[in-house]
N, C-alpha and C. Protein backbone atom coordinates (compact mmCIF):
# COMPACT_ATOMS: atom_id res chain seq x y z
N MET A 1 -12.70 -30.57 5.74
CA MET A 1 -12.96 -29.13 5.82
C MET A 1 -11.79 -28.44 6.52
N ILE A 2 -11.23 -27.44 5.86
CA ILE A 2 -10.13 -26.67 6.45
C ILE A 2 -10.75 -25.50 7.21
N ALA A 3 -10.55 -25.44 8.51
CA ALA A 3 -11.17 -24.40 9.33
C ALA A 3 -10.23 -23.24 9.62
N LYS A 4 -8.91 -23.51 9.63
CA LYS A 4 -7.95 -22.47 9.98
C LYS A 4 -6.59 -22.82 9.40
N LEU A 5 -5.84 -21.80 9.01
CA LEU A 5 -4.47 -21.97 8.54
C LEU A 5 -3.54 -21.11 9.39
N LYS A 6 -2.43 -21.69 9.80
CA LYS A 6 -1.44 -20.95 10.57
C LYS A 6 -0.09 -21.19 9.91
N GLY A 7 0.51 -20.12 9.40
CA GLY A 7 1.78 -20.28 8.70
C GLY A 7 2.42 -18.94 8.43
N LEU A 8 3.15 -18.85 7.30
CA LEU A 8 3.84 -17.62 6.93
C LEU A 8 3.18 -17.01 5.71
N LEU A 9 3.09 -15.68 5.71
CA LEU A 9 2.53 -14.99 4.55
C LEU A 9 3.55 -15.03 3.42
N ASP A 10 3.20 -15.71 2.34
CA ASP A 10 4.15 -15.93 1.24
C ASP A 10 4.01 -14.89 0.15
N GLU A 11 2.76 -14.50 -0.15
CA GLU A 11 2.53 -13.57 -1.27
C GLU A 11 1.11 -13.01 -1.13
N THR A 12 0.89 -11.80 -1.66
CA THR A 12 -0.45 -11.23 -1.66
C THR A 12 -0.76 -10.60 -3.00
N GLY A 13 -2.07 -10.50 -3.30
CA GLY A 13 -2.54 -9.81 -4.49
C GLY A 13 -3.67 -8.88 -4.10
N SER A 14 -4.45 -8.45 -5.07
CA SER A 14 -5.51 -7.48 -4.79
C SER A 14 -6.60 -8.05 -3.89
N ASP A 15 -6.86 -9.35 -4.02
CA ASP A 15 -7.92 -9.95 -3.19
C ASP A 15 -7.56 -11.37 -2.74
N TRP A 16 -6.27 -11.65 -2.65
CA TRP A 16 -5.85 -13.00 -2.27
C TRP A 16 -4.50 -12.97 -1.56
N ALA A 17 -4.23 -14.07 -0.87
CA ALA A 17 -2.92 -14.25 -0.24
C ALA A 17 -2.54 -15.72 -0.34
N VAL A 18 -1.25 -15.99 -0.32
CA VAL A 18 -0.76 -17.36 -0.26
C VAL A 18 -0.13 -17.56 1.12
N ILE A 19 -0.67 -18.52 1.86
CA ILE A 19 -0.17 -18.83 3.19
C ILE A 19 0.65 -20.12 3.12
N ASP A 20 1.91 -20.02 3.50
CA ASP A 20 2.81 -21.17 3.48
C ASP A 20 2.68 -21.90 4.82
N VAL A 21 2.11 -23.11 4.76
CA VAL A 21 1.97 -23.93 5.96
C VAL A 21 2.87 -25.16 5.79
N SER A 22 4.00 -25.13 6.46
CA SER A 22 4.97 -26.24 6.40
C SER A 22 5.33 -26.61 4.97
N GLY A 23 5.56 -25.59 4.14
CA GLY A 23 6.00 -25.83 2.77
C GLY A 23 4.89 -25.98 1.76
N VAL A 24 3.64 -26.01 2.20
CA VAL A 24 2.50 -26.09 1.28
C VAL A 24 1.85 -24.71 1.21
N GLY A 25 1.72 -24.17 0.00
CA GLY A 25 1.14 -22.85 -0.18
C GLY A 25 -0.35 -22.93 -0.43
N TYR A 26 -1.15 -22.32 0.44
CA TYR A 26 -2.60 -22.29 0.29
C TYR A 26 -3.03 -20.93 -0.25
N LEU A 27 -3.73 -20.92 -1.38
CA LEU A 27 -4.26 -19.69 -1.95
C LEU A 27 -5.60 -19.40 -1.29
N VAL A 28 -5.69 -18.27 -0.61
CA VAL A 28 -6.93 -17.90 0.06
C VAL A 28 -7.39 -16.54 -0.46
N HIS A 29 -8.67 -16.42 -0.77
CA HIS A 29 -9.24 -15.16 -1.22
C HIS A 29 -9.70 -14.40 0.02
N CYS A 30 -9.36 -13.10 0.09
CA CYS A 30 -9.57 -12.33 1.32
C CYS A 30 -10.18 -10.96 1.03
N SER A 31 -10.79 -10.39 2.05
CA SER A 31 -11.22 -8.99 1.99
C SER A 31 -9.99 -8.11 2.17
N THR A 32 -10.11 -6.83 1.80
CA THR A 32 -8.97 -5.92 1.96
C THR A 32 -8.63 -5.75 3.44
N LYS A 33 -9.62 -5.84 4.32
CA LYS A 33 -9.36 -5.71 5.75
C LYS A 33 -8.51 -6.88 6.26
N THR A 34 -8.82 -8.09 5.79
CA THR A 34 -8.02 -9.25 6.19
C THR A 34 -6.60 -9.12 5.63
N LEU A 35 -6.47 -8.70 4.36
CA LEU A 35 -5.14 -8.53 3.78
C LEU A 35 -4.31 -7.54 4.59
N ALA A 36 -4.96 -6.47 5.06
CA ALA A 36 -4.24 -5.47 5.84
C ALA A 36 -3.81 -6.03 7.19
N ALA A 37 -4.59 -6.98 7.71
CA ALA A 37 -4.30 -7.53 9.04
C ALA A 37 -3.25 -8.64 9.01
N LEU A 38 -2.94 -9.16 7.83
CA LEU A 38 -2.03 -10.32 7.76
C LEU A 38 -0.58 -9.96 8.03
N GLY A 39 -0.20 -8.71 7.80
CA GLY A 39 1.18 -8.32 8.04
C GLY A 39 2.01 -8.34 6.77
N GLU A 40 3.32 -8.36 6.94
CA GLU A 40 4.25 -8.31 5.82
C GLU A 40 4.62 -9.71 5.34
N LYS A 41 5.11 -9.77 4.12
CA LYS A 41 5.57 -11.04 3.55
C LYS A 41 6.62 -11.68 4.45
N GLY A 42 6.45 -12.97 4.71
CA GLY A 42 7.39 -13.69 5.55
C GLY A 42 7.01 -13.73 7.01
N GLU A 43 6.01 -12.92 7.41
CA GLU A 43 5.59 -12.90 8.81
C GLU A 43 4.60 -14.03 9.10
N ALA A 44 4.57 -14.47 10.35
CA ALA A 44 3.60 -15.48 10.77
C ALA A 44 2.20 -14.89 10.76
N CYS A 45 1.23 -15.67 10.36
CA CYS A 45 -0.15 -15.19 10.34
C CYS A 45 -1.11 -16.37 10.52
N THR A 46 -2.31 -16.04 10.89
CA THR A 46 -3.37 -17.04 11.06
C THR A 46 -4.61 -16.55 10.32
N VAL A 47 -5.23 -17.42 9.54
CA VAL A 47 -6.49 -17.07 8.89
C VAL A 47 -7.53 -18.15 9.18
N TYR A 48 -8.74 -17.69 9.45
CA TYR A 48 -9.88 -18.60 9.57
C TYR A 48 -10.43 -18.78 8.16
N THR A 49 -10.79 -19.99 7.82
CA THR A 49 -11.13 -20.25 6.42
C THR A 49 -12.52 -20.84 6.22
N ASP A 50 -12.99 -20.67 5.00
CA ASP A 50 -14.26 -21.26 4.58
C ASP A 50 -14.03 -21.82 3.18
N LEU A 51 -14.32 -23.08 2.99
CA LEU A 51 -14.12 -23.73 1.69
C LEU A 51 -15.42 -23.73 0.91
N GLN A 52 -15.39 -23.11 -0.28
CA GLN A 52 -16.59 -23.07 -1.12
C GLN A 52 -16.36 -23.94 -2.35
N VAL A 53 -17.28 -24.85 -2.57
CA VAL A 53 -17.18 -25.79 -3.69
C VAL A 53 -18.38 -25.60 -4.60
N SER A 54 -18.12 -25.36 -5.88
CA SER A 54 -19.19 -25.27 -6.87
C SER A 54 -18.93 -26.31 -7.95
N GLU A 55 -19.78 -26.32 -8.95
CA GLU A 55 -19.65 -27.33 -10.00
C GLU A 55 -18.33 -27.22 -10.74
N ASN A 56 -17.85 -25.98 -10.94
CA ASN A 56 -16.65 -25.77 -11.74
C ASN A 56 -15.47 -25.20 -10.96
N ASP A 57 -15.63 -25.00 -9.68
CA ASP A 57 -14.59 -24.31 -8.93
C ASP A 57 -14.55 -24.75 -7.48
N MET A 58 -13.38 -24.61 -6.88
CA MET A 58 -13.23 -24.85 -5.45
C MET A 58 -12.26 -23.80 -4.93
N ARG A 59 -12.72 -22.99 -3.99
CA ARG A 59 -11.85 -21.93 -3.50
C ARG A 59 -11.90 -21.81 -1.99
N LEU A 60 -10.78 -21.36 -1.45
CA LEU A 60 -10.64 -21.19 -0.01
C LEU A 60 -10.72 -19.69 0.29
N LEU A 61 -11.60 -19.31 1.19
CA LEU A 61 -11.74 -17.93 1.60
C LEU A 61 -11.08 -17.77 2.96
N GLY A 62 -10.31 -16.70 3.14
CA GLY A 62 -9.59 -16.49 4.39
C GLY A 62 -10.01 -15.23 5.11
N PHE A 63 -10.04 -15.30 6.44
CA PHE A 63 -10.50 -14.18 7.27
C PHE A 63 -9.59 -14.03 8.48
N ALA A 64 -9.31 -12.78 8.85
CA ALA A 64 -8.40 -12.51 9.97
C ALA A 64 -9.03 -12.83 11.31
N GLU A 65 -10.35 -12.88 11.37
CA GLU A 65 -11.02 -13.23 12.62
C GLU A 65 -12.25 -14.07 12.34
N ALA A 66 -12.64 -14.87 13.32
CA ALA A 66 -13.76 -15.79 13.14
C ALA A 66 -15.06 -15.04 12.88
N ALA A 67 -15.22 -13.85 13.48
CA ALA A 67 -16.45 -13.08 13.30
C ALA A 67 -16.65 -12.69 11.84
N GLU A 68 -15.55 -12.34 11.16
CA GLU A 68 -15.65 -11.97 9.75
C GLU A 68 -16.08 -13.19 8.93
N ARG A 69 -15.53 -14.35 9.25
CA ARG A 69 -15.92 -15.57 8.54
C ARG A 69 -17.40 -15.88 8.77
N ASP A 70 -17.87 -15.70 10.01
CA ASP A 70 -19.27 -15.97 10.31
C ASP A 70 -20.20 -15.06 9.51
N TRP A 71 -19.80 -13.78 9.41
CA TRP A 71 -20.62 -12.85 8.63
C TRP A 71 -20.57 -13.18 7.14
N PHE A 72 -19.41 -13.61 6.67
CA PHE A 72 -19.30 -14.01 5.26
C PHE A 72 -20.26 -15.16 4.96
N ARG A 73 -20.28 -16.16 5.83
CA ARG A 73 -21.18 -17.30 5.64
C ARG A 73 -22.63 -16.87 5.64
N LEU A 74 -22.96 -15.91 6.52
CA LEU A 74 -24.33 -15.43 6.61
C LEU A 74 -24.71 -14.64 5.35
N LEU A 75 -23.80 -13.77 4.92
CA LEU A 75 -24.06 -12.95 3.74
C LEU A 75 -24.26 -13.80 2.49
N THR A 76 -23.44 -14.83 2.34
CA THR A 76 -23.52 -15.65 1.13
C THR A 76 -24.71 -16.60 1.13
N GLN A 77 -25.48 -16.62 2.21
CA GLN A 77 -26.74 -17.38 2.21
C GLN A 77 -27.85 -16.59 1.53
N VAL A 78 -27.63 -15.28 1.36
CA VAL A 78 -28.63 -14.44 0.71
C VAL A 78 -28.53 -14.63 -0.80
N GLN A 79 -29.67 -14.81 -1.45
CA GLN A 79 -29.69 -15.00 -2.90
C GLN A 79 -29.07 -13.80 -3.60
N GLY A 80 -28.13 -14.07 -4.50
CA GLY A 80 -27.47 -12.99 -5.23
C GLY A 80 -26.14 -12.58 -4.63
N VAL A 81 -25.82 -13.12 -3.46
CA VAL A 81 -24.55 -12.79 -2.82
C VAL A 81 -23.61 -13.99 -2.91
N GLY A 82 -22.66 -13.92 -3.84
CA GLY A 82 -21.66 -14.97 -3.96
C GLY A 82 -20.42 -14.58 -3.16
N SER A 83 -19.36 -15.35 -3.32
CA SER A 83 -18.16 -15.08 -2.53
C SER A 83 -17.55 -13.72 -2.88
N LYS A 84 -17.61 -13.34 -4.15
CA LYS A 84 -17.03 -12.06 -4.57
C LYS A 84 -17.75 -10.89 -3.92
N VAL A 85 -19.08 -10.92 -3.93
CA VAL A 85 -19.87 -9.84 -3.33
C VAL A 85 -19.72 -9.86 -1.81
N GLY A 86 -19.69 -11.06 -1.22
CA GLY A 86 -19.51 -11.17 0.22
C GLY A 86 -18.20 -10.53 0.67
N LEU A 87 -17.11 -10.79 -0.07
CA LEU A 87 -15.82 -10.20 0.26
C LEU A 87 -15.83 -8.69 0.02
N ALA A 88 -16.56 -8.24 -1.02
CA ALA A 88 -16.65 -6.80 -1.30
C ALA A 88 -17.33 -6.07 -0.15
N ILE A 89 -18.37 -6.67 0.41
CA ILE A 89 -19.07 -6.06 1.54
C ILE A 89 -18.15 -5.98 2.75
N LEU A 90 -17.42 -7.06 3.01
CA LEU A 90 -16.53 -7.09 4.17
C LEU A 90 -15.24 -6.29 3.94
N SER A 91 -14.99 -5.92 2.69
CA SER A 91 -13.87 -5.01 2.40
C SER A 91 -14.30 -3.57 2.66
N ALA A 92 -15.57 -3.28 2.36
CA ALA A 92 -16.08 -1.91 2.50
C ALA A 92 -16.51 -1.58 3.92
N LEU A 93 -16.94 -2.60 4.65
CA LEU A 93 -17.51 -2.38 5.98
C LEU A 93 -16.90 -3.33 7.01
N SER A 94 -16.76 -2.87 8.23
CA SER A 94 -16.34 -3.75 9.31
C SER A 94 -17.51 -4.65 9.68
N THR A 95 -17.24 -5.73 10.40
CA THR A 95 -18.34 -6.61 10.83
C THR A 95 -19.33 -5.85 11.71
N GLY A 96 -18.82 -4.91 12.51
CA GLY A 96 -19.70 -4.11 13.35
C GLY A 96 -20.64 -3.24 12.52
N GLU A 97 -20.10 -2.67 11.44
CA GLU A 97 -20.92 -1.83 10.56
C GLU A 97 -21.97 -2.66 9.82
N VAL A 98 -21.60 -3.87 9.39
CA VAL A 98 -22.56 -4.75 8.73
C VAL A 98 -23.68 -5.11 9.70
N GLN A 99 -23.28 -5.46 10.92
CA GLN A 99 -24.27 -5.83 11.93
C GLN A 99 -25.22 -4.69 12.23
N GLN A 100 -24.68 -3.49 12.39
CA GLN A 100 -25.52 -2.33 12.70
C GLN A 100 -26.45 -2.01 11.54
N ALA A 101 -25.92 -2.08 10.31
CA ALA A 101 -26.73 -1.79 9.13
C ALA A 101 -27.89 -2.77 9.01
N CYS A 102 -27.61 -4.06 9.23
CA CYS A 102 -28.67 -5.07 9.14
C CYS A 102 -29.69 -4.88 10.26
N SER A 103 -29.22 -4.61 11.47
CA SER A 103 -30.11 -4.42 12.60
C SER A 103 -31.04 -3.22 12.39
N ASN A 104 -30.50 -2.16 11.76
CA ASN A 104 -31.27 -0.93 11.57
C ASN A 104 -32.01 -0.87 10.23
N GLY A 105 -31.85 -1.94 9.42
CA GLY A 105 -32.48 -1.92 8.10
C GLY A 105 -31.88 -0.87 7.18
N ASP A 106 -30.59 -0.59 7.37
CA ASP A 106 -29.90 0.48 6.64
C ASP A 106 -29.29 -0.07 5.35
N ALA A 107 -30.10 -0.17 4.31
CA ALA A 107 -29.61 -0.72 3.04
C ALA A 107 -28.59 0.19 2.38
N ALA A 108 -28.68 1.50 2.61
CA ALA A 108 -27.75 2.45 1.97
C ALA A 108 -26.31 2.17 2.38
N THR A 109 -26.10 1.79 3.64
CA THR A 109 -24.75 1.49 4.09
C THR A 109 -24.20 0.25 3.39
N ILE A 110 -25.02 -0.79 3.28
CA ILE A 110 -24.59 -2.02 2.59
C ILE A 110 -24.29 -1.73 1.13
N ALA A 111 -25.06 -0.82 0.54
CA ALA A 111 -24.90 -0.50 -0.89
C ALA A 111 -23.60 0.26 -1.17
N ARG A 112 -22.86 0.67 -0.12
CA ARG A 112 -21.56 1.31 -0.33
C ARG A 112 -20.54 0.33 -0.90
N ALA A 113 -20.78 -0.96 -0.71
CA ALA A 113 -19.84 -1.97 -1.20
C ALA A 113 -19.89 -2.07 -2.72
N GLN A 114 -18.74 -2.32 -3.31
CA GLN A 114 -18.66 -2.42 -4.77
C GLN A 114 -19.48 -3.61 -5.26
N GLY A 115 -20.30 -3.37 -6.28
CA GLY A 115 -21.10 -4.44 -6.88
C GLY A 115 -22.41 -4.72 -6.17
N VAL A 116 -22.74 -3.91 -5.16
CA VAL A 116 -24.00 -4.12 -4.42
C VAL A 116 -24.95 -2.97 -4.75
N GLY A 117 -26.01 -3.28 -5.50
CA GLY A 117 -26.99 -2.27 -5.84
C GLY A 117 -28.03 -2.13 -4.74
N PRO A 118 -28.89 -1.11 -4.86
CA PRO A 118 -29.92 -0.86 -3.84
C PRO A 118 -30.86 -2.05 -3.61
N LYS A 119 -31.22 -2.74 -4.69
CA LYS A 119 -32.14 -3.87 -4.57
C LYS A 119 -31.51 -5.01 -3.77
N LEU A 120 -30.26 -5.35 -4.09
CA LEU A 120 -29.57 -6.42 -3.38
C LEU A 120 -29.31 -6.02 -1.92
N ALA A 121 -28.93 -4.76 -1.72
CA ALA A 121 -28.69 -4.27 -0.36
C ALA A 121 -29.95 -4.39 0.48
N GLY A 122 -31.10 -4.05 -0.13
CA GLY A 122 -32.37 -4.17 0.58
C GLY A 122 -32.69 -5.60 0.95
N ARG A 123 -32.38 -6.52 0.03
CA ARG A 123 -32.64 -7.94 0.30
C ARG A 123 -31.74 -8.42 1.44
N ILE A 124 -30.49 -7.98 1.46
CA ILE A 124 -29.55 -8.40 2.50
C ILE A 124 -30.04 -7.96 3.88
N VAL A 125 -30.40 -6.69 4.02
CA VAL A 125 -30.81 -6.22 5.35
C VAL A 125 -32.13 -6.83 5.77
N ASN A 126 -33.02 -7.07 4.81
CA ASN A 126 -34.31 -7.68 5.15
C ASN A 126 -34.15 -9.11 5.64
N GLU A 127 -33.28 -9.87 4.95
CA GLU A 127 -33.10 -11.28 5.31
C GLU A 127 -32.25 -11.47 6.57
N LEU A 128 -31.34 -10.53 6.82
CA LEU A 128 -30.41 -10.71 7.94
C LEU A 128 -30.77 -9.89 9.17
N LYS A 129 -31.82 -9.10 9.08
CA LYS A 129 -32.18 -8.22 10.20
C LYS A 129 -32.38 -9.00 11.50
N ASP A 130 -33.09 -10.11 11.42
CA ASP A 130 -33.39 -10.89 12.62
C ASP A 130 -32.19 -11.71 13.09
N LYS A 131 -31.22 -11.95 12.19
CA LYS A 131 -30.06 -12.77 12.55
C LYS A 131 -28.87 -11.93 13.03
N ALA A 132 -28.93 -10.62 12.79
CA ALA A 132 -27.77 -9.76 13.05
C ALA A 132 -27.35 -9.78 14.51
N GLY A 133 -28.30 -9.83 15.42
CA GLY A 133 -27.96 -9.77 16.83
C GLY A 133 -27.26 -11.01 17.36
N ALA A 134 -27.36 -12.11 16.62
CA ALA A 134 -26.79 -13.37 17.10
C ALA A 134 -25.30 -13.49 16.82
N LEU A 135 -24.79 -12.63 15.93
CA LEU A 135 -23.38 -12.72 15.56
C LEU A 135 -22.60 -11.56 16.16
N PRO A 136 -21.32 -11.80 16.47
CA PRO A 136 -20.51 -10.72 17.04
C PRO A 136 -20.21 -9.66 16.01
N GLY A 137 -20.12 -8.42 16.47
CA GLY A 137 -19.72 -7.33 15.59
C GLY A 137 -18.34 -6.85 15.97
N GLY A 138 -18.03 -5.63 15.57
CA GLY A 138 -16.74 -5.06 15.93
C GLY A 138 -15.72 -5.29 14.84
N GLY A 139 -14.64 -4.55 14.90
CA GLY A 139 -13.60 -4.63 13.88
C GLY A 139 -12.59 -5.69 14.20
N MET A 140 -11.44 -5.63 13.54
CA MET A 140 -10.38 -6.59 13.76
C MET A 140 -9.89 -6.48 15.20
N ALA A 141 -9.85 -7.59 15.89
CA ALA A 141 -9.45 -7.57 17.30
C ALA A 141 -8.26 -8.49 17.51
N GLY A 142 -7.86 -8.60 18.77
CA GLY A 142 -6.82 -9.57 19.11
C GLY A 142 -5.46 -9.25 18.55
N GLY A 143 -5.13 -7.95 18.48
CA GLY A 143 -3.78 -7.59 18.07
C GLY A 143 -3.59 -7.51 16.57
N ALA A 144 -4.66 -7.65 15.79
CA ALA A 144 -4.53 -7.54 14.35
C ALA A 144 -4.27 -6.08 13.98
N ALA A 145 -3.73 -5.87 12.80
CA ALA A 145 -3.49 -4.52 12.34
C ALA A 145 -4.82 -3.79 12.18
N PRO A 146 -4.85 -2.49 12.38
CA PRO A 146 -6.10 -1.77 12.27
C PRO A 146 -6.65 -1.84 10.86
N ALA A 147 -7.94 -2.04 10.75
CA ALA A 147 -8.57 -2.10 9.44
C ALA A 147 -8.82 -0.69 8.94
N THR A 148 -8.78 -0.51 7.64
CA THR A 148 -9.05 0.79 7.07
C THR A 148 -10.54 1.06 7.13
N PRO A 149 -10.97 2.19 7.72
CA PRO A 149 -12.39 2.51 7.72
C PRO A 149 -12.90 2.57 6.29
N ALA A 150 -14.12 2.10 6.09
CA ALA A 150 -14.61 1.93 4.74
C ALA A 150 -15.25 3.18 4.18
N GLY A 151 -15.32 3.23 2.87
CA GLY A 151 -16.07 4.26 2.21
C GLY A 151 -15.38 5.61 2.28
N GLY A 152 -15.85 6.55 1.45
CA GLY A 152 -15.40 7.92 1.53
C GLY A 152 -13.91 8.10 1.30
N ALA A 153 -13.34 9.05 2.05
CA ALA A 153 -11.96 9.47 1.83
C ALA A 153 -10.96 8.34 2.02
N SER A 154 -11.16 7.51 3.05
CA SER A 154 -10.19 6.46 3.34
C SER A 154 -10.12 5.41 2.23
N ALA A 155 -11.29 5.01 1.73
CA ALA A 155 -11.32 4.03 0.64
C ALA A 155 -10.67 4.60 -0.61
N ASP A 156 -10.93 5.90 -0.89
CA ASP A 156 -10.32 6.54 -2.05
C ASP A 156 -8.81 6.66 -1.88
N ALA A 157 -8.37 6.89 -0.65
CA ALA A 157 -6.93 7.00 -0.39
C ALA A 157 -6.23 5.66 -0.61
N VAL A 158 -6.87 4.57 -0.14
CA VAL A 158 -6.31 3.23 -0.37
C VAL A 158 -6.18 2.97 -1.86
N SER A 159 -7.24 3.30 -2.61
CA SER A 159 -7.23 3.10 -4.06
C SER A 159 -6.12 3.92 -4.72
N ALA A 160 -5.93 5.15 -4.24
CA ALA A 160 -4.88 6.01 -4.80
C ALA A 160 -3.49 5.40 -4.59
N LEU A 161 -3.24 4.88 -3.39
CA LEU A 161 -1.95 4.26 -3.11
C LEU A 161 -1.73 3.01 -3.95
N GLU A 162 -2.81 2.23 -4.14
CA GLU A 162 -2.70 1.04 -4.98
C GLU A 162 -2.34 1.44 -6.42
N ASN A 163 -2.95 2.54 -6.90
CA ASN A 163 -2.66 3.02 -8.25
C ASN A 163 -1.22 3.49 -8.40
N LEU A 164 -0.62 3.86 -7.27
CA LEU A 164 0.79 4.28 -7.29
C LEU A 164 1.75 3.10 -7.18
N GLY A 165 1.17 1.89 -7.09
CA GLY A 165 2.01 0.69 -7.10
C GLY A 165 2.19 -0.01 -5.78
N PHE A 166 1.59 0.51 -4.70
CA PHE A 166 1.70 -0.16 -3.41
C PHE A 166 0.76 -1.36 -3.37
N LYS A 167 1.18 -2.42 -2.70
CA LYS A 167 0.34 -3.60 -2.54
C LYS A 167 -0.87 -3.26 -1.68
N PRO A 168 -2.02 -3.93 -1.92
CA PRO A 168 -3.24 -3.62 -1.17
C PRO A 168 -3.06 -3.65 0.33
N ALA A 169 -2.35 -4.65 0.83
CA ALA A 169 -2.16 -4.77 2.28
C ALA A 169 -1.36 -3.60 2.82
N VAL A 170 -0.33 -3.18 2.07
CA VAL A 170 0.51 -2.05 2.49
C VAL A 170 -0.31 -0.76 2.45
N ALA A 171 -1.07 -0.58 1.36
CA ALA A 171 -1.88 0.63 1.19
C ALA A 171 -2.93 0.74 2.30
N ALA A 172 -3.62 -0.35 2.58
CA ALA A 172 -4.67 -0.34 3.61
C ALA A 172 -4.10 -0.04 4.98
N ARG A 173 -2.94 -0.65 5.28
CA ARG A 173 -2.33 -0.45 6.59
C ARG A 173 -1.84 1.00 6.74
N ALA A 174 -1.29 1.56 5.68
CA ALA A 174 -0.77 2.94 5.73
C ALA A 174 -1.91 3.94 5.91
N VAL A 175 -3.01 3.71 5.20
CA VAL A 175 -4.16 4.61 5.32
C VAL A 175 -4.80 4.49 6.70
N ALA A 176 -4.85 3.28 7.23
CA ALA A 176 -5.40 3.08 8.58
C ALA A 176 -4.57 3.84 9.60
N ALA A 177 -3.25 3.79 9.44
CA ALA A 177 -2.36 4.51 10.35
C ALA A 177 -2.55 6.03 10.20
N ALA A 178 -2.70 6.48 8.96
CA ALA A 178 -2.92 7.91 8.70
C ALA A 178 -4.24 8.37 9.31
N GLN A 179 -5.25 7.53 9.18
CA GLN A 179 -6.57 7.85 9.74
C GLN A 179 -6.48 7.98 11.26
N GLY A 180 -5.73 7.08 11.88
CA GLY A 180 -5.56 7.13 13.32
C GLY A 180 -4.83 8.39 13.77
N GLU A 181 -3.89 8.84 12.94
CA GLU A 181 -3.11 10.04 13.26
C GLU A 181 -3.91 11.32 13.05
N LEU A 182 -4.69 11.35 11.95
CA LEU A 182 -5.37 12.58 11.56
C LEU A 182 -6.79 12.69 12.10
N GLY A 183 -7.39 11.54 12.45
CA GLY A 183 -8.77 11.57 12.94
C GLY A 183 -9.77 11.23 11.85
N GLU A 184 -11.01 10.97 12.26
CA GLU A 184 -12.05 10.50 11.34
C GLU A 184 -12.41 11.51 10.25
N GLY A 185 -12.26 12.81 10.55
CA GLY A 185 -12.70 13.82 9.59
C GLY A 185 -11.66 14.22 8.58
N ALA A 186 -10.56 13.48 8.49
CA ALA A 186 -9.45 13.85 7.60
C ALA A 186 -9.89 13.79 6.14
N SER A 187 -9.35 14.70 5.35
CA SER A 187 -9.67 14.73 3.92
C SER A 187 -8.86 13.67 3.18
N GLU A 188 -9.32 13.36 1.96
CA GLU A 188 -8.63 12.36 1.15
C GLU A 188 -7.18 12.79 0.89
N GLY A 189 -6.99 14.07 0.57
CA GLY A 189 -5.64 14.57 0.27
C GLY A 189 -4.69 14.42 1.45
N ASP A 190 -5.18 14.76 2.64
CA ASP A 190 -4.34 14.64 3.84
C ASP A 190 -4.02 13.18 4.13
N LEU A 191 -5.03 12.31 3.95
CA LEU A 191 -4.82 10.87 4.19
C LEU A 191 -3.75 10.32 3.25
N ILE A 192 -3.84 10.71 1.98
CA ILE A 192 -2.87 10.22 0.99
C ILE A 192 -1.47 10.72 1.33
N ARG A 193 -1.38 12.00 1.71
CA ARG A 193 -0.07 12.59 2.03
C ARG A 193 0.61 11.85 3.19
N VAL A 194 -0.13 11.63 4.27
CA VAL A 194 0.44 10.96 5.45
C VAL A 194 0.67 9.47 5.16
N ALA A 195 -0.29 8.85 4.46
CA ALA A 195 -0.18 7.42 4.17
C ALA A 195 1.02 7.13 3.26
N LEU A 196 1.30 8.02 2.34
CA LEU A 196 2.46 7.86 1.45
C LEU A 196 3.76 7.82 2.25
N LYS A 197 3.86 8.69 3.25
CA LYS A 197 5.06 8.69 4.09
C LYS A 197 5.16 7.37 4.86
N ARG A 198 4.02 6.91 5.36
CA ARG A 198 4.00 5.64 6.11
C ARG A 198 4.40 4.47 5.21
N ALA A 199 3.80 4.42 4.02
CA ALA A 199 4.02 3.28 3.12
C ALA A 199 5.45 3.27 2.59
N ALA A 200 5.98 4.46 2.33
CA ALA A 200 7.32 4.54 1.76
C ALA A 200 8.41 4.40 2.81
N GLY A 201 8.06 4.73 4.08
CA GLY A 201 9.07 4.69 5.11
C GLY A 201 9.09 3.43 5.90
């Protein structure tokens, strides 16, 4: 079982990264928040991992912090939540937001994630409500890059930058920086304008 990888960021895609560990490239599937936290190509990075093995596939999932991995494992225990949906939830919401939504029975917040309908969101909060308090919440910590707040204007701004050709990690980091500069109530247009300057500069 591979629990953690420490190496250099070799390459990234929309939902994956290749981590070079002493010349061996590990393909890890990640949430957009983890991709944003990994840094630039060639930089040192650490990911906590979870190995999922099915009848026809074997894939390594990577997370910037152990709390995100713990929530991923918990989410994928719910019927109907596979690795793709688990990563979609953790891309749309911070671990703190997932924890709060489950604790409060707030299915609407969980349903903000791509591919999660109201029925599945309801099942997730019902099954995890009692377990939510046992796991740590909060966003990316320990010096990681700021995660892009999920949903609404910020998520649309990240998507807009990606459509303009910026890599997901670059787009997420630029929008997170713009959000920090402009504040939580910033409009999508303002976020895109400031994030473009960040990403291009």
